[in-house]
Amino acid sequence: MTLERFLNARNYNVEAAAEMCTTTIAWQARKNLNVLMDTHGTVKGLYNTEGSRVTSASKWNWARFLDKNMPASLIQ
């Protein structure tokens, strides 16, 4: 399903979709999404240390923690 998203985003240009996928995985690894999502949300362990999802890409059950000190612009 994730690969389909990249292909669709790049009008089924396989080379462009592969580059987008590789770039996204590298970005996810650099940003350490597990730490970010564990810090700000309710689902743990969605991504491995390489930045790839370890849960089903067809399901998204992460939710932001609502913090009364959080800026209103972040609570939507």
N, C-alpha and C. Protein backbone atom coordinates (compact mmCIF):
# COMPACT_ATOMS: atom_id res chain seq x y z
N MET A 1 0.82 -1.19 0.00
CA MET A 1 0.00 0.00 0.00
C MET A 1 0.87 1.27 0.00
N THR A 2 1.94 1.27 0.77
CA THR A 2 2.81 2.44 0.82
C THR A 2 3.45 2.69 -0.54
N LEU A 3 3.92 1.63 -1.19
CA LEU A 3 4.53 1.80 -2.51
C LEU A 3 3.52 2.35 -3.51
N GLU A 4 2.28 1.93 -3.38
CA GLU A 4 1.22 2.45 -4.26
C GLU A 4 1.07 3.96 -4.07
N ARG A 5 1.19 4.43 -2.85
CA ARG A 5 1.09 5.87 -2.59
C ARG A 5 2.20 6.64 -3.29
N PHE A 6 3.42 6.11 -3.22
CA PHE A 6 4.55 6.77 -3.88
C PHE A 6 4.37 6.75 -5.39
N LEU A 7 3.93 5.62 -5.93
CA LEU A 7 3.70 5.53 -7.38
C LEU A 7 2.62 6.52 -7.81
N ASN A 8 1.54 6.57 -7.06
CA ASN A 8 0.45 7.49 -7.39
C ASN A 8 0.93 8.94 -7.31
N ALA A 9 1.70 9.25 -6.30
CA ALA A 9 2.20 10.62 -6.12
C ALA A 9 3.12 11.05 -7.25
N ARG A 10 3.74 10.09 -7.90
CA ARG A 10 4.69 10.38 -8.99
C ARG A 10 4.16 9.91 -10.34
N ASN A 11 2.83 9.86 -10.46
CA ASN A 11 2.17 9.49 -11.72
C ASN A 11 2.71 8.19 -12.31
N TYR A 12 2.97 7.23 -11.45
CA TYR A 12 3.43 5.89 -11.82
C TYR A 12 4.78 5.88 -12.53
N ASN A 13 5.57 6.91 -12.29
CA ASN A 13 6.96 6.94 -12.75
C ASN A 13 7.76 6.17 -11.70
N VAL A 14 8.19 4.95 -12.06
CA VAL A 14 8.83 4.05 -11.09
C VAL A 14 10.11 4.65 -10.52
N GLU A 15 10.93 5.25 -11.35
CA GLU A 15 12.18 5.84 -10.86
C GLU A 15 11.91 6.99 -9.88
N ALA A 16 10.97 7.85 -10.21
CA ALA A 16 10.64 8.97 -9.32
C ALA A 16 10.02 8.47 -8.02
N ALA A 17 9.17 7.44 -8.11
CA ALA A 17 8.55 6.87 -6.91
C ALA A 17 9.60 6.21 -6.02
N ALA A 18 10.55 5.51 -6.63
CA ALA A 18 11.62 4.87 -5.85
C ALA A 18 12.47 5.91 -5.14
N GLU A 19 12.78 7.00 -5.84
CA GLU A 19 13.55 8.08 -5.22
C GLU A 19 12.77 8.71 -4.06
N MET A 20 11.48 8.93 -4.25
CA MET A 20 10.65 9.51 -3.20
C MET A 20 10.60 8.58 -1.99
N CYS A 21 10.46 7.29 -2.23
CA CYS A 21 10.40 6.30 -1.15
C CYS A 21 11.72 6.28 -0.38
N THR A 22 12.83 6.22 -1.10
CA THR A 22 14.15 6.19 -0.47
C THR A 22 14.39 7.46 0.35
N THR A 23 14.03 8.59 -0.20
CA THR A 23 14.19 9.87 0.50
C THR A 23 13.33 9.91 1.76
N THR A 24 12.11 9.42 1.66
CA THR A 24 11.20 9.41 2.81
C THR A 24 11.72 8.52 3.92
N ILE A 25 12.19 7.32 3.57
CA ILE A 25 12.71 6.39 4.58
C ILE A 25 13.94 6.98 5.26
N ALA A 26 14.81 7.62 4.48
CA ALA A 26 16.00 8.26 5.07
C ALA A 26 15.60 9.39 6.01
N TRP A 27 14.61 10.18 5.60
CA TRP A 27 14.13 11.28 6.45
C TRP A 27 13.55 10.73 7.75
N GLN A 28 12.75 9.66 7.64
CA GLN A 28 12.15 9.06 8.83
C GLN A 28 13.22 8.55 9.79
N ALA A 29 14.27 7.96 9.25
CA ALA A 29 15.35 7.45 10.09
C ALA A 29 16.10 8.60 10.77
N ARG A 30 16.37 9.68 10.02
CA ARG A 30 17.07 10.84 10.60
C ARG A 30 16.25 11.50 11.71
N LYS A 31 14.95 11.57 11.53
CA LYS A 31 14.09 12.25 12.49
C LYS A 31 13.72 11.37 13.68
N ASN A 32 14.08 10.08 13.62
CA ASN A 32 13.77 9.14 14.69
C ASN A 32 12.29 9.22 15.08
N LEU A 33 11.44 8.82 14.17
CA LEU A 33 10.00 8.96 14.34
C LEU A 33 9.46 8.24 15.57
N ASN A 34 10.07 7.12 15.97
CA ASN A 34 9.59 6.46 17.18
C ASN A 34 9.65 7.39 18.38
N VAL A 35 10.76 8.10 18.53
CA VAL A 35 10.91 9.01 19.66
C VAL A 35 9.90 10.15 19.55
N LEU A 36 9.78 10.75 18.37
CA LEU A 36 8.82 11.84 18.18
C LEU A 36 7.39 11.41 18.47
N MET A 37 7.00 10.26 17.93
CA MET A 37 5.62 9.82 18.10
C MET A 37 5.36 9.35 19.53
N ASP A 38 6.35 8.72 20.16
CA ASP A 38 6.18 8.32 21.56
C ASP A 38 6.08 9.54 22.47
N THR A 39 6.81 10.59 22.14
CA THR A 39 6.80 11.81 22.94
C THR A 39 5.49 12.57 22.81
N HIS A 40 4.94 12.61 21.59
CA HIS A 40 3.78 13.46 21.32
C HIS A 40 2.49 12.70 21.07
N GLY A 41 2.52 11.37 21.12
CA GLY A 41 1.32 10.62 20.78
C GLY A 41 1.13 9.37 21.60
N THR A 42 0.15 8.56 21.18
CA THR A 42 -0.29 7.45 21.99
C THR A 42 0.08 6.06 21.48
N VAL A 43 0.64 5.92 20.30
CA VAL A 43 1.00 4.61 19.77
C VAL A 43 2.51 4.50 19.74
N LYS A 44 3.04 3.38 20.24
CA LYS A 44 4.49 3.21 20.28
C LYS A 44 4.94 2.19 19.25
N GLY A 45 6.16 2.35 18.78
CA GLY A 45 6.79 1.37 17.93
C GLY A 45 6.25 1.25 16.52
N LEU A 46 5.83 2.35 15.90
CA LEU A 46 5.34 2.28 14.53
C LEU A 46 6.47 2.11 13.53
N TYR A 47 7.67 2.57 13.87
CA TYR A 47 8.79 2.57 12.93
C TYR A 47 9.99 1.86 13.53
N ASN A 48 10.77 1.15 12.68
CA ASN A 48 12.00 0.53 13.16
C ASN A 48 13.14 1.55 13.10
N THR A 49 14.34 1.12 13.47
CA THR A 49 15.47 2.05 13.54
C THR A 49 15.90 2.57 12.18
N GLU A 50 15.50 1.89 11.10
CA GLU A 50 15.81 2.37 9.74
C GLU A 50 14.76 3.33 9.23
N GLY A 51 13.69 3.54 9.98
CA GLY A 51 12.65 4.47 9.58
C GLY A 51 11.49 3.85 8.83
N SER A 52 11.46 2.52 8.71
CA SER A 52 10.36 1.85 8.01
C SER A 52 9.28 1.45 9.00
N ARG A 53 8.04 1.47 8.53
CA ARG A 53 6.92 1.07 9.39
C ARG A 53 7.01 -0.40 9.75
N VAL A 54 6.66 -0.73 10.98
CA VAL A 54 6.59 -2.13 11.39
C VAL A 54 5.14 -2.55 11.63
N THR A 55 4.23 -1.62 11.49
CA THR A 55 2.81 -1.92 11.60
C THR A 55 2.17 -1.77 10.23
N SER A 56 0.94 -2.16 10.12
CA SER A 56 0.24 -2.09 8.84
C SER A 56 0.12 -0.65 8.37
N ALA A 57 0.54 -0.41 7.13
CA ALA A 57 0.44 0.93 6.56
C ALA A 57 -1.01 1.31 6.27
N SER A 58 -1.90 0.33 6.28
CA SER A 58 -3.30 0.63 5.98
C SER A 58 -4.06 1.11 7.22
N LYS A 59 -3.40 1.03 8.38
CA LYS A 59 -4.05 1.46 9.62
C LYS A 59 -3.24 2.59 10.25
N TRP A 60 -3.92 3.56 10.76
CA TRP A 60 -3.27 4.69 11.42
C TRP A 60 -4.05 4.98 12.69
N ASN A 61 -3.48 4.58 13.82
CA ASN A 61 -4.21 4.76 15.08
C ASN A 61 -3.41 5.60 16.08
N TRP A 62 -2.50 6.40 15.57
CA TRP A 62 -1.75 7.30 16.43
C TRP A 62 -2.61 8.52 16.73
N ALA A 63 -2.51 9.04 17.92
CA ALA A 63 -3.25 10.25 18.29
C ALA A 63 -2.35 11.14 19.13
N ARG A 64 -2.38 12.43 18.87
CA ARG A 64 -1.56 13.38 19.62
C ARG A 64 -2.07 13.49 21.05
N PHE A 65 -1.10 13.53 21.99
CA PHE A 65 -1.46 13.83 23.36
C PHE A 65 -1.98 15.26 23.41
N LEU A 66 -3.04 15.49 24.09
CA LEU A 66 -3.54 16.86 24.27
C LEU A 66 -2.98 17.40 25.57
N ASP A 67 -2.21 18.43 25.45
CA ASP A 67 -1.54 19.04 26.59
C ASP A 67 -2.08 20.46 26.75
N LYS A 68 -2.53 20.79 27.95
CA LYS A 68 -3.10 22.12 28.16
C LYS A 68 -2.09 23.24 27.91
N ASN A 69 -0.79 22.91 27.94
CA ASN A 69 0.25 23.91 27.68
C ASN A 69 0.65 23.98 26.21
N MET A 70 0.06 23.13 25.39
CA MET A 70 0.38 23.09 23.98
C MET A 70 -0.24 24.28 23.27
N PRO A 71 0.49 24.90 22.33
CA PRO A 71 -0.09 26.02 21.59
C PRO A 71 -1.37 25.60 20.87
N ALA A 72 -2.35 26.47 20.85
CA ALA A 72 -3.64 26.17 20.23
C ALA A 72 -3.49 25.79 18.77
N SER A 73 -2.49 26.34 18.10
CA SER A 73 -2.29 26.04 16.67
C SER A 73 -1.94 24.57 16.44
N LEU A 74 -1.44 23.88 17.46
CA LEU A 74 -1.09 22.47 17.32
C LEU A 74 -2.24 21.54 17.66
N ILE A 75 -3.27 22.04 18.28
CA ILE A 75 -4.41 21.22 18.68
C ILE A 75 -5.51 21.42 17.65
N GLN A 76 -5.67 20.44 16.80
CA GLN A 76 -6.69 20.52 15.75
C GLN A 76 -7.43 19.21 15.65
